[in-house]
């Protein structure tokens, strides 16, 4: 299955911006074999670069969001594989300078029709 192409007028749209201030806490469940701050350059993740030209580090503003992003990726799943859980670790990261990001969703609606399916 291939991902849908972005809207043809995406380059003319104004992105929704998000600022995370210095001192804020971000939450992350990560693969324990890697450092907590690891930018994945594989082509496997749904937000990863198709050509591997940049890395992605997923975090959330709260523990529940980080848990959902890591463990609840399959809709309808009611069990989590214990071996998968054992490979994971949890960390709280403190932002050391203000981050300016593009918000990909707001109020659970994807920004400008982008596919954000978990």
Protein backbone atom coordinates (compact mmCIF):
# COMPACT_ATOMS: atom_id res chain seq x y z
CA UNK A 1 0.00 0.00 0.00
CA UNK A 2 1.38 3.41 -0.92
CA UNK A 3 0.66 6.63 0.89
CA UNK A 4 -1.66 9.12 -0.80
CA UNK A 5 -0.09 12.08 -2.55
CA UNK A 6 -0.43 15.45 -0.83
CA UNK A 7 -3.00 17.95 -2.14
CA UNK A 8 -1.75 19.67 -5.31
CA UNK A 9 -2.02 23.12 -3.71
CA UNK A 10 -0.21 22.19 -0.48
CA UNK A 11 2.64 24.62 -1.20
CA UNK A 12 0.21 27.57 -1.22
CA UNK A 13 -1.35 26.77 2.17
CA UNK A 14 -0.34 28.34 5.46
CA UNK A 15 0.77 25.71 7.98
CA UNK A 16 -0.54 25.66 11.52
CA UNK A 17 2.37 26.51 13.80
CA UNK A 18 3.13 25.32 17.30
CA UNK A 19 5.73 26.73 19.69
CA UNK A 20 7.04 24.63 22.54
CA UNK A 21 8.80 26.88 25.06
CA UNK A 22 12.17 26.25 26.63
CA UNK A 23 11.69 24.31 29.86
CA UNK A 24 8.67 22.32 28.62
CA UNK A 25 8.58 18.57 29.22
CA UNK A 26 8.08 16.11 26.35
CA UNK A 27 7.33 12.41 26.84
CA UNK A 28 8.68 9.54 24.78
CA UNK A 29 8.58 5.76 24.70
CA UNK A 30 11.50 4.59 22.59
CA UNK A 31 13.36 1.47 21.56
CA UNK A 32 15.73 0.84 24.47
CA UNK A 33 18.51 -0.34 22.13
CA UNK A 34 18.88 3.29 20.98
CA UNK A 35 19.56 6.51 22.84
CA UNK A 36 16.43 8.35 24.05
CA UNK A 37 17.24 11.12 21.57
CA UNK A 38 17.45 9.20 18.31
CA UNK A 39 16.29 10.58 14.96
CA UNK A 40 15.07 7.62 12.89
CA UNK A 41 16.21 7.95 9.27
CA UNK A 42 14.69 4.67 8.13
CA UNK A 43 11.93 4.72 5.53
CA UNK A 44 9.58 2.70 7.79
CA UNK A 45 7.69 5.25 9.89
CA UNK A 46 4.58 7.04 8.70
CA UNK A 47 6.20 10.47 9.22
CA UNK A 48 9.65 9.41 8.02
CA UNK A 49 11.24 10.83 4.90
CA UNK A 50 10.50 8.62 1.88
CA UNK A 51 14.16 8.92 0.84
CA UNK A 52 15.71 8.85 4.33
CA UNK A 53 17.01 12.41 3.98
CA UNK A 54 15.92 13.48 7.48
CA UNK A 55 15.29 11.80 10.81
CA UNK A 56 12.16 11.74 12.97
CA UNK A 57 11.91 11.75 16.76
CA UNK A 58 8.38 11.26 18.12
CA UNK A 59 7.38 12.85 21.43
CA UNK A 60 4.13 13.89 23.08
CA UNK A 61 3.00 16.54 25.51
CA UNK A 62 1.87 13.93 28.02
CA UNK A 63 2.51 10.31 28.95
CA UNK A 64 -0.83 9.10 27.54
CA UNK A 65 -0.06 10.59 24.12
CA UNK A 66 3.40 9.04 24.06
CA UNK A 67 1.94 5.68 25.07
CA UNK A 68 -0.72 5.85 22.35
CA UNK A 69 1.82 6.80 19.67
CA UNK A 70 4.02 3.83 20.58
CA UNK A 71 1.67 1.07 21.71
CA UNK A 72 -1.75 1.79 20.19
CA UNK A 73 -0.82 2.01 16.52
CA UNK A 74 -3.17 -0.76 15.37
CA UNK A 75 -6.88 0.14 15.57
CA UNK A 76 -8.92 -2.50 17.36
CA UNK A 77 -5.94 -4.16 19.03
CA UNK A 78 -6.79 -5.13 22.59
CA UNK A 79 -3.50 -6.77 23.59
CA UNK A 80 0.08 -5.51 23.48
CA UNK A 81 2.85 -8.02 22.83
CA UNK A 82 4.96 -8.36 26.00
CA UNK A 83 8.19 -8.76 24.01
CA UNK A 84 7.45 -5.50 22.20
CA UNK A 85 6.91 -3.77 25.55
CA UNK A 86 10.15 -5.19 26.94
CA UNK A 87 12.09 -3.58 24.07
CA UNK A 88 10.76 -0.14 25.01
CA UNK A 89 11.83 2.44 27.58
CA UNK A 90 10.32 5.73 28.76
CA UNK A 91 11.96 9.14 29.13
CA UNK A 92 10.91 12.70 29.95
CA UNK A 93 12.83 15.23 27.87
CA UNK A 94 13.24 18.89 28.80
CA UNK A 95 13.22 21.38 25.94
CA UNK A 96 16.37 23.52 26.12
CA UNK A 97 15.33 26.15 23.57
CA UNK A 98 12.01 27.19 22.06
CA UNK A 99 10.93 24.81 19.29
CA UNK A 100 8.91 26.09 16.32
CA UNK A 101 7.05 23.24 14.70
CA UNK A 102 4.32 22.62 12.15
CA UNK A 103 1.18 21.23 13.77
CA UNK A 104 0.02 18.23 11.75
CA UNK A 105 -3.38 17.96 13.45
CA UNK A 106 -5.67 20.11 15.54
CA UNK A 107 -8.77 19.00 17.41
CA UNK A 108 -8.14 15.48 16.02
CA UNK A 109 -8.53 16.73 12.44
CA UNK A 110 -5.53 16.38 10.11
CA UNK A 111 -4.07 19.60 8.80
CA UNK A 112 -5.26 20.25 5.24
CA UNK A 113 -6.32 16.67 4.56
CA UNK A 114 -2.99 15.01 5.33
CA UNK A 115 -3.27 11.32 6.23
CA UNK A 116 -2.40 10.99 9.93
CA UNK A 117 -3.79 7.54 10.52
CA UNK A 118 -2.29 5.74 13.50
